[in-house]
């Protein structure tokens, strides 16, 4: 089978617009791969979405209550932003040094080996992602229910049921 026929055979219906490697089958064991394609705008939106996420809607209240003043809260936010920026620079440096796909998994695999990479991936899939999804759903549920309870907090049971409904779909 030639490279072009292999390429056509591997494309499923609806995948015609995916960016495939230029010369599949030449020097890479005959595999058809997707090209790594991420623009600056795509990268910025991924980082902003990951860093800001839903935490921006939950944490201002806690920061303001615990600091006691608006100025101190702004200083805390500024320090947190600088800390996040340093972390983003470190992550960008890792991405430039280790040019494998897989992000955290690839970096840990390269540094600590396959067992630690597996543990990191397992923790991400079984603990971190489900907890993040639950927090986002609860935050959404509380904000949706707030207009119906203007003088008090929405009932926990109503917020939880709405969050479960959001996650289920």
N, C-alpha and C. Protein backbone atom coordinates (compact mmCIF):
# COMPACT_ATOMS: atom_id res chain seq x y z
N UNK A 1 0.86 -1.18 0.00
CA UNK A 1 0.00 0.00 0.00
C UNK A 1 0.89 1.23 0.00
N UNK A 2 0.64 2.15 -0.87
CA UNK A 2 1.45 3.36 -0.95
C UNK A 2 1.08 4.34 0.15
N UNK A 3 1.89 5.38 0.29
CA UNK A 3 1.65 6.37 1.33
C UNK A 3 0.32 7.08 1.16
N UNK A 4 -0.03 7.44 -0.10
CA UNK A 4 -1.28 8.16 -0.33
C UNK A 4 -2.50 7.28 -0.07
N UNK A 5 -2.44 6.01 -0.51
CA UNK A 5 -3.60 5.14 -0.27
C UNK A 5 -3.73 4.83 1.20
N UNK A 6 -2.59 4.70 1.90
CA UNK A 6 -2.64 4.46 3.34
C UNK A 6 -3.25 5.67 4.03
N UNK A 7 -2.89 6.88 3.57
CA UNK A 7 -3.42 8.11 4.13
C UNK A 7 -4.92 8.19 3.94
N UNK A 8 -5.40 7.89 2.73
CA UNK A 8 -6.83 7.93 2.45
C UNK A 8 -7.58 6.86 3.24
N UNK A 9 -6.99 5.70 3.37
CA UNK A 9 -7.65 4.61 4.09
C UNK A 9 -7.77 4.91 5.57
N UNK A 10 -6.82 5.70 6.12
CA UNK A 10 -6.84 5.96 7.56
C UNK A 10 -7.74 7.12 7.94
N UNK A 11 -8.16 7.92 6.96
CA UNK A 11 -9.04 9.05 7.26
C UNK A 11 -10.46 8.56 7.35
N UNK A 12 -11.09 8.80 8.47
CA UNK A 12 -12.47 8.38 8.65
C UNK A 12 -13.39 9.49 8.18
N UNK A 13 -14.63 9.15 8.02
CA UNK A 13 -15.59 10.13 7.55
C UNK A 13 -15.67 11.30 8.53
N UNK A 14 -15.58 12.51 8.02
CA UNK A 14 -15.63 13.70 8.85
C UNK A 14 -14.28 14.20 9.31
N UNK A 15 -13.20 13.44 9.04
CA UNK A 15 -11.86 13.83 9.46
C UNK A 15 -11.04 14.42 8.33
N UNK A 16 -11.66 14.79 7.23
CA UNK A 16 -10.93 15.25 6.06
C UNK A 16 -10.13 16.52 6.32
N UNK A 17 -10.58 17.35 7.26
CA UNK A 17 -9.91 18.63 7.48
C UNK A 17 -8.81 18.58 8.52
N UNK A 18 -8.48 17.41 9.05
CA UNK A 18 -7.41 17.31 10.03
C UNK A 18 -6.06 17.46 9.35
N UNK A 19 -5.11 18.19 9.97
CA UNK A 19 -3.80 18.39 9.35
C UNK A 19 -2.94 17.14 9.50
N UNK A 20 -2.74 16.40 8.42
CA UNK A 20 -1.93 15.18 8.47
C UNK A 20 -0.48 15.49 8.13
N UNK A 21 0.41 14.59 8.55
CA UNK A 21 1.83 14.76 8.26
C UNK A 21 2.05 14.80 6.75
N UNK A 22 3.07 15.56 6.33
CA UNK A 22 3.34 15.77 4.91
C UNK A 22 3.61 14.47 4.17
N UNK A 23 4.54 13.68 4.68
CA UNK A 23 4.95 12.46 3.98
C UNK A 23 4.79 11.26 4.89
N UNK A 24 3.58 10.76 5.06
CA UNK A 24 3.43 9.60 5.91
C UNK A 24 4.15 8.40 5.30
N UNK A 25 4.78 7.65 6.17
CA UNK A 25 5.45 6.44 5.70
C UNK A 25 6.92 6.65 5.40
N UNK A 26 7.42 7.85 5.38
CA UNK A 26 8.83 8.08 5.09
C UNK A 26 9.61 8.28 6.38
N UNK A 27 10.32 7.26 6.82
CA UNK A 27 11.21 7.38 7.96
C UNK A 27 10.52 7.32 9.31
N UNK A 28 9.21 7.10 9.35
CA UNK A 28 8.53 7.05 10.65
C UNK A 28 7.78 5.73 10.85
N UNK A 29 8.19 4.70 10.15
CA UNK A 29 7.57 3.39 10.35
C UNK A 29 6.23 3.25 9.65
N UNK A 30 5.91 4.13 8.72
CA UNK A 30 4.67 4.01 7.97
C UNK A 30 3.43 4.48 8.68
N UNK A 31 3.57 5.23 9.76
CA UNK A 31 2.42 5.69 10.51
C UNK A 31 1.90 7.01 9.95
N UNK A 32 0.60 7.18 9.98
CA UNK A 32 -0.01 8.46 9.64
C UNK A 32 -0.26 9.17 10.95
N UNK A 33 0.25 10.38 11.09
CA UNK A 33 0.14 11.12 12.35
C UNK A 33 -0.47 12.48 12.10
N UNK A 34 -1.08 13.04 13.12
CA UNK A 34 -1.54 14.43 13.07
C UNK A 34 -0.35 15.33 13.31
N UNK A 35 -0.29 16.42 12.57
CA UNK A 35 0.78 17.39 12.79
C UNK A 35 0.49 18.16 14.07
N UNK A 36 1.55 18.46 14.80
CA UNK A 36 1.41 19.32 15.97
C UNK A 36 1.17 20.73 15.46
N UNK A 37 0.00 21.27 15.71
CA UNK A 37 -0.32 22.59 15.18
C UNK A 37 -1.05 23.38 16.26
N UNK A 38 -0.35 24.34 16.83
CA UNK A 38 -0.96 25.21 17.82
C UNK A 38 -0.43 26.62 17.59
N UNK A 39 -1.35 27.52 17.33
CA UNK A 39 -0.94 28.90 17.08
C UNK A 39 -0.78 29.64 18.41
N UNK A 40 -0.29 30.85 18.32
CA UNK A 40 -0.12 31.67 19.52
C UNK A 40 -1.47 31.93 20.19
N UNK A 41 -2.48 32.23 19.39
CA UNK A 41 -3.82 32.49 19.95
C UNK A 41 -4.36 31.24 20.63
N UNK A 42 -4.18 30.06 19.99
CA UNK A 42 -4.64 28.81 20.61
C UNK A 42 -3.94 28.57 21.95
N UNK A 43 -2.63 28.81 21.96
CA UNK A 43 -1.87 28.63 23.20
C UNK A 43 -2.33 29.56 24.30
N UNK A 44 -2.57 30.82 23.96
CA UNK A 44 -3.02 31.79 24.95
C UNK A 44 -4.39 31.40 25.50
N UNK A 45 -5.30 30.98 24.64
CA UNK A 45 -6.64 30.60 25.12
C UNK A 45 -6.59 29.37 26.01
N UNK A 46 -5.73 28.41 25.68
CA UNK A 46 -5.59 27.22 26.54
C UNK A 46 -5.05 27.62 27.91
N UNK A 47 -4.02 28.46 27.93
CA UNK A 47 -3.43 28.86 29.21
C UNK A 47 -4.40 29.69 30.03
N UNK A 48 -5.07 30.66 29.41
CA UNK A 48 -6.03 31.49 30.14
C UNK A 48 -7.16 30.63 30.68
N UNK A 49 -7.67 29.72 29.86
CA UNK A 49 -8.75 28.83 30.32
C UNK A 49 -8.32 27.93 31.46
N UNK A 50 -7.07 27.46 31.41
CA UNK A 50 -6.58 26.58 32.47
C UNK A 50 -6.31 27.33 33.76
N UNK A 51 -5.72 28.51 33.65
CA UNK A 51 -5.35 29.26 34.85
C UNK A 51 -6.57 29.91 35.49
N UNK A 52 -7.36 30.60 34.69
CA UNK A 52 -8.50 31.32 35.25
C UNK A 52 -9.60 30.34 35.61
N UNK A 53 -10.02 29.54 34.66
CA UNK A 53 -11.05 28.54 34.91
C UNK A 53 -12.24 29.12 35.65
N UNK A 54 -12.80 28.34 36.54
CA UNK A 54 -13.94 28.82 37.31
C UNK A 54 -13.51 29.41 38.65
N UNK A 55 -12.25 29.26 39.00
CA UNK A 55 -11.76 29.77 40.28
C UNK A 55 -11.93 31.27 40.42
N UNK A 56 -11.91 31.96 39.30
CA UNK A 56 -12.06 33.42 39.34
C UNK A 56 -13.44 33.81 39.86
N UNK A 57 -14.42 32.92 39.73
CA UNK A 57 -15.77 33.22 40.19
C UNK A 57 -15.98 32.84 41.65
N UNK A 58 -15.15 31.98 42.19
CA UNK A 58 -15.32 31.51 43.57
C UNK A 58 -14.40 32.23 44.54
N UNK A 59 -13.15 32.41 44.16
CA UNK A 59 -12.16 32.90 45.11
C UNK A 59 -12.22 34.38 45.48
N UNK A 60 -12.76 35.29 44.69
CA UNK A 60 -12.75 36.70 45.14
C UNK A 60 -13.44 36.92 46.47
N UNK A 61 -14.54 36.23 46.71
CA UNK A 61 -15.25 36.39 47.98
C UNK A 61 -14.38 35.97 49.14
N UNK A 62 -13.75 34.80 49.02
CA UNK A 62 -12.89 34.30 50.09
C UNK A 62 -11.69 35.17 50.32
N UNK A 63 -11.08 35.65 49.25
CA UNK A 63 -9.91 36.52 49.39
C UNK A 63 -10.30 37.82 50.08
N UNK A 64 -11.40 38.40 49.66
CA UNK A 64 -11.83 39.67 50.25
C UNK A 64 -12.23 39.50 51.71
N UNK A 65 -12.91 38.42 52.06
CA UNK A 65 -13.30 38.18 53.45
C UNK A 65 -12.08 37.95 54.34
N UNK A 66 -11.08 37.22 53.85
CA UNK A 66 -9.93 36.87 54.68
C UNK A 66 -8.87 37.96 54.75
N UNK A 67 -8.83 38.87 53.77
CA UNK A 67 -7.84 39.94 53.83
C UNK A 67 -8.36 41.15 54.58
N UNK A 68 -9.64 41.39 54.51
CA UNK A 68 -10.21 42.49 55.26
C UNK A 68 -10.28 43.82 54.54
N UNK A 69 -9.54 43.99 53.45
CA UNK A 69 -9.61 45.25 52.72
C UNK A 69 -9.41 44.99 51.23
N UNK A 70 -9.88 45.93 50.43
CA UNK A 70 -9.76 45.80 48.98
C UNK A 70 -8.30 45.88 48.55
N UNK A 71 -7.54 46.79 49.15
CA UNK A 71 -6.13 46.95 48.77
C UNK A 71 -5.33 45.68 49.05
N UNK A 72 -5.52 45.08 50.21
CA UNK A 72 -4.81 43.84 50.53
C UNK A 72 -5.24 42.73 49.59
N UNK A 73 -6.52 42.66 49.26
CA UNK A 73 -7.01 41.65 48.32
C UNK A 73 -6.35 41.82 46.96
N UNK A 74 -6.20 43.07 46.51
CA UNK A 74 -5.54 43.32 45.22
C UNK A 74 -4.06 42.90 45.26
N UNK A 75 -3.41 43.12 46.39
CA UNK A 75 -2.01 42.70 46.53
C UNK A 75 -1.92 41.17 46.48
N UNK A 76 -2.84 40.50 47.15
CA UNK A 76 -2.87 39.02 47.10
C UNK A 76 -3.09 38.55 45.67
N UNK A 77 -4.01 39.18 44.94
CA UNK A 77 -4.27 38.82 43.55
C UNK A 77 -3.04 39.07 42.68
N UNK A 78 -2.36 40.17 42.90
CA UNK A 78 -1.17 40.49 42.13
C UNK A 78 -0.06 39.47 42.40
N UNK A 79 0.16 39.14 43.66
CA UNK A 79 1.17 38.14 44.01
C UNK A 79 0.82 36.77 43.41
N UNK A 80 -0.45 36.42 43.44
CA UNK A 80 -0.88 35.15 42.84
C UNK A 80 -0.66 35.15 41.34
N UNK A 81 -0.92 36.28 40.69
CA UNK A 81 -0.69 36.40 39.26
C UNK A 81 0.78 36.25 38.90
N UNK A 82 1.65 36.86 39.68
CA UNK A 82 3.10 36.74 39.44
C UNK A 82 3.53 35.28 39.63
N UNK A 83 3.04 34.65 40.68
CA UNK A 83 3.36 33.25 40.94
C UNK A 83 2.89 32.37 39.78
N UNK A 84 1.68 32.61 39.28
CA UNK A 84 1.16 31.84 38.15
C UNK A 84 1.99 32.09 36.89
N UNK A 85 2.42 33.32 36.69
CA UNK A 85 3.22 33.65 35.51
C UNK A 85 4.57 32.93 35.55
N UNK A 86 5.20 32.86 36.71
CA UNK A 86 6.46 32.13 36.84
C UNK A 86 6.23 30.66 36.52
N UNK A 87 5.13 30.09 37.02
CA UNK A 87 4.80 28.70 36.70
C UNK A 87 4.57 28.49 35.22
N UNK A 88 3.92 29.44 34.56
CA UNK A 88 3.68 29.34 33.12
C UNK A 88 4.99 29.40 32.35
N UNK A 89 5.91 30.26 32.78
CA UNK A 89 7.22 30.33 32.13
C UNK A 89 7.98 29.01 32.28
N UNK A 90 7.92 28.42 33.46
CA UNK A 90 8.57 27.12 33.68
C UNK A 90 7.96 26.06 32.78
N UNK A 91 6.65 26.06 32.67
CA UNK A 91 5.95 25.10 31.82
C UNK A 91 6.32 25.32 30.35
N UNK A 92 6.43 26.57 29.92
CA UNK A 92 6.82 26.87 28.55
C UNK A 92 8.25 26.40 28.29
N UNK A 93 9.11 26.55 29.26
CA UNK A 93 10.49 26.09 29.12
C UNK A 93 10.53 24.57 28.98
N UNK A 94 9.74 23.87 29.77
CA UNK A 94 9.65 22.41 29.63
C UNK A 94 9.18 22.02 28.23
N UNK A 95 8.18 22.74 27.74
CA UNK A 95 7.66 22.45 26.42
C UNK A 95 8.69 22.67 25.32
N UNK A 96 9.58 23.65 25.51
CA UNK A 96 10.64 23.89 24.52
C UNK A 96 11.75 22.85 24.63
N UNK A 97 12.01 22.36 25.84
CA UNK A 97 13.09 21.40 26.03
C UNK A 97 12.67 19.98 25.67
N UNK A 98 11.48 19.57 26.06
CA UNK A 98 10.98 18.22 25.80
C UNK A 98 9.92 18.34 24.72
N UNK A 99 10.27 17.99 23.49
CA UNK A 99 9.40 18.24 22.35
C UNK A 99 8.56 17.00 22.02
N UNK A 100 8.01 16.37 23.02
CA UNK A 100 7.12 15.23 22.83
C UNK A 100 5.70 15.66 23.14
N UNK A 101 4.73 15.04 22.50
CA UNK A 101 3.34 15.35 22.84
C UNK A 101 2.98 14.60 24.11
N UNK A 102 2.03 15.15 24.85
CA UNK A 102 1.60 14.51 26.08
C UNK A 102 1.72 15.39 27.30
N UNK A 103 2.31 16.56 27.16
CA UNK A 103 2.43 17.55 28.23
C UNK A 103 2.97 16.93 29.52
N UNK A 104 2.20 17.00 30.61
CA UNK A 104 2.68 16.54 31.92
C UNK A 104 3.19 15.10 31.87
N UNK A 105 2.44 14.26 31.20
CA UNK A 105 2.82 12.84 31.11
C UNK A 105 4.20 12.71 30.45
N UNK A 106 4.40 13.39 29.34
CA UNK A 106 5.68 13.30 28.62
C UNK A 106 6.82 13.86 29.46
N UNK A 107 6.57 14.97 30.16
CA UNK A 107 7.62 15.58 30.98
C UNK A 107 8.02 14.67 32.14
N UNK A 108 7.04 14.09 32.79
CA UNK A 108 7.34 13.21 33.92
C UNK A 108 7.96 11.90 33.44
N UNK A 109 7.48 11.40 32.29
CA UNK A 109 8.06 10.18 31.71
C UNK A 109 9.54 10.39 31.41
N UNK A 110 9.88 11.53 30.84
CA UNK A 110 11.26 11.85 30.49
C UNK A 110 12.11 12.02 31.74
N UNK A 111 11.55 12.62 32.78
CA UNK A 111 12.32 12.95 33.97
C UNK A 111 12.39 11.80 34.98
N UNK A 112 11.25 11.20 35.31
CA UNK A 112 11.19 10.22 36.39
C UNK A 112 10.92 8.80 35.96
N UNK A 113 10.58 8.59 34.69
CA UNK A 113 10.35 7.24 34.19
C UNK A 113 8.88 6.89 34.07
N UNK A 114 8.60 5.69 33.53
CA UNK A 114 7.22 5.32 33.21
C UNK A 114 6.31 5.13 34.42
N UNK A 115 6.83 4.64 35.53
CA UNK A 115 5.96 4.40 36.69
C UNK A 115 5.39 5.70 37.24
N UNK A 116 6.25 6.69 37.44
CA UNK A 116 5.77 7.97 37.96
C UNK A 116 4.85 8.67 36.96
N UNK A 117 5.14 8.52 35.67
CA UNK A 117 4.26 9.11 34.65
C UNK A 117 2.88 8.45 34.71
N UNK A 118 2.85 7.13 34.90
CA UNK A 118 1.58 6.43 35.02
C UNK A 118 0.82 6.89 36.26
N UNK A 119 1.52 7.01 37.38
CA UNK A 119 0.87 7.46 38.62
C UNK A 119 0.30 8.86 38.43
N UNK A 120 1.05 9.76 37.81
CA UNK A 120 0.57 11.12 37.56
C UNK A 120 -0.68 11.11 36.68
N UNK A 121 -0.66 10.31 35.63
CA UNK A 121 -1.81 10.23 34.72
C UNK A 121 -3.01 9.62 35.43
N UNK A 122 -2.78 8.61 36.26
CA UNK A 122 -3.86 7.97 36.99
C UNK A 122 -4.50 8.96 37.96
N UNK A 123 -3.67 9.69 38.71
CA UNK A 123 -4.19 10.68 39.66
C UNK A 123 -4.97 11.77 38.92
N UNK A 124 -4.46 12.19 37.76
CA UNK A 124 -5.16 13.20 36.96
C UNK A 124 -6.54 12.70 36.53
N UNK A 125 -6.59 11.47 36.04
CA UNK A 125 -7.86 10.93 35.52
C UNK A 125 -8.85 10.55 36.62
N UNK A 126 -8.36 10.05 37.73
CA UNK A 126 -9.26 9.53 38.76
C UNK A 126 -9.59 10.54 39.86
N UNK A 127 -8.74 11.54 40.07
CA UNK A 127 -8.97 12.46 41.18
C UNK A 127 -9.09 13.92 40.71
N UNK A 128 -8.08 14.41 40.01
CA UNK A 128 -8.01 15.84 39.69
C UNK A 128 -9.14 16.26 38.74
N UNK A 129 -9.29 15.57 37.62
CA UNK A 129 -10.32 15.98 36.64
C UNK A 129 -11.74 15.86 37.20
N UNK A 130 -12.10 14.74 37.84
CA UNK A 130 -13.46 14.68 38.40
C UNK A 130 -13.71 15.75 39.46
N UNK A 131 -12.73 16.02 40.31
CA UNK A 131 -12.91 17.06 41.33
C UNK A 131 -13.05 18.44 40.69
N UNK A 132 -12.26 18.72 39.68
CA UNK A 132 -12.36 20.00 38.98
C UNK A 132 -13.73 20.15 38.33
N UNK A 133 -14.20 19.08 37.72
CA UNK A 133 -15.51 19.12 37.08
C UNK A 133 -16.61 19.34 38.11
N UNK A 134 -16.48 18.72 39.28
CA UNK A 134 -17.48 18.91 40.33
C UNK A 134 -17.48 20.34 40.85
N UNK A 135 -16.30 20.93 41.01
CA UNK A 135 -16.21 22.31 41.48
C UNK A 135 -16.83 23.27 40.48
N UNK A 136 -16.52 23.07 39.20
CA UNK A 136 -17.10 23.93 38.15
C UNK A 136 -18.62 23.79 38.14
N UNK A 137 -19.13 22.56 38.25
CA UNK A 137 -20.58 22.34 38.24
C UNK A 137 -21.25 22.97 39.46
N UNK A 138 -20.65 22.84 40.63
CA UNK A 138 -21.22 23.45 41.84
C UNK A 138 -21.19 24.97 41.76
N UNK A 139 -20.10 25.52 41.23
CA UNK A 139 -20.01 26.97 41.06
C UNK A 139 -21.11 27.45 40.12
N UNK A 140 -21.27 26.77 39.01
CA UNK A 140 -22.31 27.13 38.05
C UNK A 140 -23.69 27.04 38.70
N UNK A 141 -23.95 25.97 39.44
CA UNK A 141 -25.25 25.77 40.07
C UNK A 141 -25.55 26.89 41.08
N UNK A 142 -24.57 27.26 41.87
CA UNK A 142 -24.79 28.33 42.86
C UNK A 142 -25.09 29.65 42.17
N UNK A 143 -24.35 29.97 41.11
CA UNK A 143 -24.60 31.22 40.39
C UNK A 143 -25.94 31.21 39.66
N UNK A 144 -26.38 30.07 39.17
CA UNK A 144 -27.68 30.00 38.51
C UNK A 144 -28.81 30.14 39.52
N UNK A 145 -28.64 29.58 40.72
CA UNK A 145 -29.69 29.62 41.74
C UNK A 145 -29.72 30.93 42.54
N UNK A 146 -28.65 31.70 42.52
CA UNK A 146 -28.59 32.96 43.29
C UNK A 146 -29.77 33.88 43.03
N UNK A 147 -30.20 34.13 41.79
CA UNK A 147 -31.34 35.05 41.56
C UNK A 147 -32.65 34.58 42.21
N UNK A 148 -32.79 33.28 42.42
CA UNK A 148 -34.01 32.76 43.03
C UNK A 148 -33.98 32.88 44.56
N UNK A 149 -32.80 33.10 45.13
CA UNK A 149 -32.63 33.26 46.57
C UNK A 149 -31.82 34.53 46.83
N UNK A 150 -32.39 35.70 46.60
CA UNK A 150 -31.61 36.94 46.69
C UNK A 150 -31.16 37.31 48.10
N UNK A 151 -31.91 36.87 49.13
CA UNK A 151 -31.58 37.27 50.51
C UNK A 151 -30.76 36.23 51.28
N UNK A 152 -30.55 35.06 50.69
CA UNK A 152 -29.81 34.01 51.39
C UNK A 152 -29.09 33.14 50.37
N UNK A 153 -28.28 32.23 50.90
CA UNK A 153 -27.59 31.28 50.02
C UNK A 153 -28.58 30.25 49.50
N UNK A 154 -28.39 29.77 48.28
CA UNK A 154 -29.27 28.72 47.76
C UNK A 154 -29.11 27.45 48.60
N UNK A 155 -30.18 26.65 48.72
CA UNK A 155 -30.07 25.40 49.48
C UNK A 155 -29.01 24.47 48.87
N UNK A 156 -28.26 23.82 49.74
CA UNK A 156 -27.22 22.91 49.26
C UNK A 156 -27.79 21.79 48.39
N UNK A 157 -28.94 21.27 48.79
CA UNK A 157 -29.52 20.16 48.03
C UNK A 157 -29.88 20.59 46.61
N UNK A 158 -30.43 21.79 46.45
CA UNK A 158 -30.78 22.28 45.12
C UNK A 158 -29.52 22.51 44.27
N UNK A 159 -28.49 23.08 44.87
CA UNK A 159 -27.23 23.31 44.14
C UNK A 159 -26.60 21.99 43.73
N UNK A 160 -26.62 21.02 44.63
CA UNK A 160 -26.03 19.72 44.31
C UNK A 160 -26.80 19.00 43.21
N UNK A 161 -28.12 19.06 43.28
CA UNK A 161 -28.93 18.41 42.23
C UNK A 161 -28.70 19.05 40.88
N UNK A 162 -28.61 20.37 40.84
CA UNK A 162 -28.34 21.05 39.57
C UNK A 162 -26.94 20.73 39.07
N UNK A 163 -25.97 20.66 39.97
CA UNK A 163 -24.60 20.30 39.59
C UNK A 163 -24.55 18.89 39.03
N UNK A 164 -25.23 17.97 39.68
CA UNK A 164 -25.28 16.57 39.18
C UNK A 164 -25.91 16.52 37.79
N UNK A 165 -26.95 17.30 37.59
CA UNK A 165 -27.60 17.35 36.28
C UNK A 165 -26.63 17.88 35.23
N UNK A 166 -25.86 18.90 35.58
CA UNK A 166 -24.89 19.46 34.64
C UNK A 166 -23.80 18.45 34.29
N UNK A 167 -23.31 17.73 35.28
CA UNK A 167 -22.24 16.76 35.05
C UNK A 167 -22.77 15.57 34.23
N UNK A 168 -23.97 15.15 34.53
CA UNK A 168 -24.56 14.00 33.85
C UNK A 168 -24.65 14.22 32.35
N UNK A 169 -24.98 15.41 31.93
CA UNK A 169 -25.14 15.67 30.50
C UNK A 169 -23.78 15.87 29.93
